[in-house]
Amino acid sequence: MSDELPIITRAYALYKPIDSINETLPKRRRYSLGNSTEQTLLELLRHLLTAKHAPKTHKSLHLLKAQSELELLRFKLRLYLELGIANETRIMQLQSQIAEIGRMLGGWLKSSM
């Protein structure tokens, strides 16, 4: 992963802590919100990777889709907090990492337009 774009590396690094949190969720939440959160993160990664390889004229489309997935991920993690189903400190750490990814994504999107 050392030759990967930093934004992709950071997004990739979110998977393990989210998976770890999902393992501790009640069964009902694990198979609904937990799986949905993991799928959202995987979609985010898919759009970032697609944007990386897309021609310049198509990059912004994939980056906008990635931005949408990132926002959805933020909302899902906020649900974890509001439902009281995950450790607040761990979720806050993930939200901080997501904010950093958002800043990177915003910069990439701005430079591609």
C-alpha atoms as a PDB file:
ATOM      1  CA  MET A   1       0.000   0.000   0.000  1.00  0.00           C
ATOM      2  CA  SER A   2       3.019   2.320   0.140  1.00  0.00           C
ATOM      3  CA  ASP A   3       2.561   3.386  -3.488  1.00  0.00           C
ATOM      4  CA  GLU A   4      -1.144   4.132  -2.989  1.00  0.00           C
ATOM      5  CA  LEU A   5      -2.651   7.607  -2.794  1.00  0.00           C
ATOM      6  CA  PRO A   6      -2.794   8.864   0.827  1.00  0.00           C
ATOM      7  CA  ILE A   7      -6.574   9.326   0.715  1.00  0.00           C
ATOM      8  CA  ILE A   8      -7.049   5.708  -0.361  1.00  0.00           C
ATOM      9  CA  THR A   9      -4.664   4.494   2.338  1.00  0.00           C
ATOM     10  CA  ARG A  10      -6.587   6.445   4.984  1.00  0.00           C
ATOM     11  CA  ALA A  11      -9.960   5.182   3.775  1.00  0.00           C
ATOM     12  CA  TYR A  12      -8.608   1.624   3.660  1.00  0.00           C
ATOM     13  CA  ALA A  13      -7.368   1.989   7.243  1.00  0.00           C
ATOM     14  CA  LEU A  14     -10.924   2.683   8.450  1.00  0.00           C
ATOM     15  CA  TYR A  15     -12.098  -0.821   7.626  1.00  0.00           C
ATOM     16  CA  LYS A  16     -10.426  -2.689  10.495  1.00  0.00           C
ATOM     17  CA  PRO A  17     -11.694  -0.446  13.321  1.00  0.00           C
ATOM     18  CA  ILE A  18     -15.201  -0.393  11.848  1.00  0.00           C
ATOM     19  CA  ASP A  19     -15.155  -4.176  11.513  1.00  0.00           C
ATOM     20  CA  SER A  20     -13.939  -4.443  15.101  1.00  0.00           C
ATOM     21  CA  ILE A  21     -16.795  -2.241  16.341  1.00  0.00           C
ATOM     22  CA  ASN A  22     -19.303  -4.218  14.297  1.00  0.00           C
ATOM     23  CA  GLU A  23     -18.199  -7.457  15.946  1.00  0.00           C
ATOM     24  CA  THR A  24     -19.328  -6.053  19.305  1.00  0.00           C
ATOM     25  CA  LEU A  25     -22.715  -4.819  18.081  1.00  0.00           C
ATOM     26  CA  PRO A  26     -25.875  -6.636  19.100  1.00  0.00           C
ATOM     27  CA  LYS A  27     -26.818  -9.215  16.485  1.00  0.00           C
ATOM     28  CA  ARG A  28     -29.789  -7.191  15.257  1.00  0.00           C
ATOM     29  CA  ARG A  29     -27.608  -4.130  14.600  1.00  0.00           C
ATOM     30  CA  ARG A  30     -24.626  -6.097  13.278  1.00  0.00           C
ATOM     31  CA  TYR A  31     -26.585  -7.429  10.321  1.00  0.00           C
ATOM     32  CA  SER A  32     -28.319  -4.160   9.520  1.00  0.00           C
ATOM     33  CA  LEU A  33     -26.415  -1.020  10.445  1.00  0.00           C
ATOM     34  CA  GLY A  34     -23.072  -2.813  10.809  1.00  0.00           C
ATOM     35  CA  ASN A  35     -23.125  -4.456   7.380  1.00  0.00           C
ATOM     36  CA  SER A  36     -24.518  -1.308   5.801  1.00  0.00           C
ATOM     37  CA  THR A  37     -21.686   0.765   7.263  1.00  0.00           C
ATOM     38  CA  GLU A  38     -19.073  -1.643   5.942  1.00  0.00           C
ATOM     39  CA  GLN A  39     -20.690  -1.580   2.481  1.00  0.00           C
ATOM     40  CA  THR A  40     -20.693   2.217   2.495  1.00  0.00           C
ATOM     41  CA  LEU A  41     -16.974   2.241   3.278  1.00  0.00           C
ATOM     42  CA  LEU A  42     -16.298  -0.276   0.508  1.00  0.00           C
ATOM     43  CA  GLU A  43     -18.284   1.875  -1.940  1.00  0.00           C
ATOM     44  CA  LEU A  44     -16.228   4.890  -0.871  1.00  0.00           C
ATOM     45  CA  LEU A  45     -13.050   2.954  -1.628  1.00  0.00           C
ATOM     46  CA  ARG A  46     -14.453   1.809  -4.974  1.00  0.00           C
ATOM     47  CA  HIS A  47     -15.202   5.374  -6.037  1.00  0.00           C
ATOM     48  CA  LEU A  48     -11.788   6.607  -4.899  1.00  0.00           C
ATOM     49  CA  LEU A  49     -10.020   3.863  -6.832  1.00  0.00           C
ATOM     50  CA  THR A  50     -12.169   4.483  -9.892  1.00  0.00           C
ATOM     51  CA  ALA A  51     -11.397   8.217  -9.721  1.00  0.00           C
ATOM     52  CA  LYS A  52      -7.693   7.443  -9.449  1.00  0.00           C
ATOM     53  CA  HIS A  53      -7.767   5.572 -12.752  1.00  0.00           C
ATOM     54  CA  ALA A  54     -10.413   7.631 -14.547  1.00  0.00           C
ATOM     55  CA  PRO A  55      -9.546  10.145 -17.255  1.00  0.00           C
ATOM     56  CA  LYS A  56      -9.496  13.730 -16.010  1.00  0.00           C
ATOM     57  CA  THR A  57     -12.876  14.476 -17.579  1.00  0.00           C
ATOM     58  CA  HIS A  58     -14.552  11.751 -15.468  1.00  0.00           C
ATOM     59  CA  LYS A  59     -12.672  12.134 -12.176  1.00  0.00           C
ATOM     60  CA  SER A  60     -15.026  14.718 -10.695  1.00  0.00           C
ATOM     61  CA  LEU A  61     -18.049  12.437 -11.192  1.00  0.00           C
ATOM     62  CA  HIS A  62     -16.427   9.625  -9.196  1.00  0.00           C
ATOM     63  CA  LEU A  63     -15.133  12.037  -6.576  1.00  0.00           C
ATOM     64  CA  LEU A  64     -18.636  13.444  -6.076  1.00  0.00           C
ATOM     65  CA  LYS A  65     -19.930   9.899  -5.608  1.00  0.00           C
ATOM     66  CA  ALA A  66     -17.125   9.271  -3.094  1.00  0.00           C
ATOM     67  CA  GLN A  67     -18.082  12.468  -1.285  1.00  0.00           C
ATOM     68  CA  SER A  68     -21.664  11.230  -1.060  1.00  0.00           C
ATOM     69  CA  GLU A  69     -20.531   7.886   0.391  1.00  0.00           C
ATOM     70  CA  LEU A  70     -18.306   9.680   2.890  1.00  0.00           C
ATOM     71  CA  GLU A  71     -21.223  11.804   4.086  1.00  0.00           C
ATOM     72  CA  LEU A  72     -23.376   8.702   4.418  1.00  0.00           C
ATOM     73  CA  LEU A  73     -20.603   7.056   6.456  1.00  0.00           C
ATOM     74  CA  ARG A  74     -20.574  10.078   8.791  1.00  0.00           C
ATOM     75  CA  PHE A  75     -24.308   9.759   9.357  1.00  0.00           C
ATOM     76  CA  LYS A  76     -24.101   6.043  10.054  1.00  0.00           C
ATOM     77  CA  LEU A  77     -21.366   6.530  12.641  1.00  0.00           C
ATOM     78  CA  ARG A  78     -23.448   9.255  14.248  1.00  0.00           C
ATOM     79  CA  LEU A  79     -26.262   6.698  14.492  1.00  0.00           C
ATOM     80  CA  TYR A  80     -23.904   4.383  16.395  1.00  0.00           C
ATOM     81  CA  LEU A  81     -23.512   7.157  18.971  1.00  0.00           C
ATOM     82  CA  GLU A  82     -27.170   8.132  19.140  1.00  0.00           C
ATOM     83  CA  LEU A  83     -28.262   4.526  19.559  1.00  0.00           C
ATOM     84  CA  GLY A  84     -25.581   4.006  22.207  1.00  0.00           C
ATOM     85  CA  ILE A  85     -24.306   0.847  20.553  1.00  0.00           C
ATOM     86  CA  ALA A  86     -20.617   1.706  20.250  1.00  0.00           C
ATOM     87  CA  ASN A  87     -17.859   3.213  22.346  1.00  0.00           C
ATOM     88  CA  GLU A  88     -18.022   6.993  22.062  1.00  0.00           C
ATOM     89  CA  THR A  89     -14.240   7.452  22.081  1.00  0.00           C
ATOM     90  CA  ARG A  90     -13.716   5.004  19.209  1.00  0.00           C
ATOM     91  CA  ILE A  91     -16.461   6.609  17.138  1.00  0.00           C
ATOM     92  CA  MET A  92     -15.017  10.089  17.761  1.00  0.00           C
ATOM     93  CA  GLN A  93     -11.602   8.849  16.590  1.00  0.00           C
ATOM     94  CA  LEU A  94     -13.167   7.451  13.420  1.00  0.00           C
ATOM     95  CA  GLN A  95     -15.064  10.685  12.831  1.00  0.00           C
ATOM     96  CA  SER A  96     -11.784  12.581  13.108  1.00  0.00           C
ATOM     97  CA  GLN A  97     -10.225  10.305  10.486  1.00  0.00           C
ATOM     98  CA  ILE A  98     -13.272  10.748   8.259  1.00  0.00           C
ATOM     99  CA  ALA A  99     -12.972  14.535   8.582  1.00  0.00           C
ATOM    100  CA  GLU A 100      -9.357  14.295   7.380  1.00  0.00           C
ATOM    101  CA  ILE A 101     -10.433  12.146   4.429  1.00  0.00           C
ATOM    102  CA  GLY A 102     -13.120  14.729   3.684  1.00  0.00           C
ATOM    103  CA  ARG A 103     -10.546  17.516   3.556  1.00  0.00           C
ATOM    104  CA  MET A 104      -8.358  15.465   1.227  1.00  0.00           C
ATOM    105  CA  LEU A 105     -11.328  14.586  -0.958  1.00  0.00           C
ATOM    106  CA  GLY A 106     -12.400  18.229  -1.137  1.00  0.00           C
ATOM    107  CA  GLY A 107      -8.925  19.235  -2.281  1.00  0.00           C
ATOM    108  CA  TRP A 108      -8.813  16.501  -4.903  1.00  0.00           C
ATOM    109  CA  LEU A 109     -12.267  17.444  -6.160  1.00  0.00           C
ATOM    110  CA  LYS A 110     -11.342  21.126  -6.353  1.00  0.00           C
ATOM    111  CA  SER A 111      -8.188  20.350  -8.344  1.00  0.00           C
ATOM    112  CA  SER A 112     -10.082  18.109 -10.766  1.00  0.00           C
ATOM    113  CA  MET A 113     -12.675  20.722 -11.753  1.00  0.00           C
END
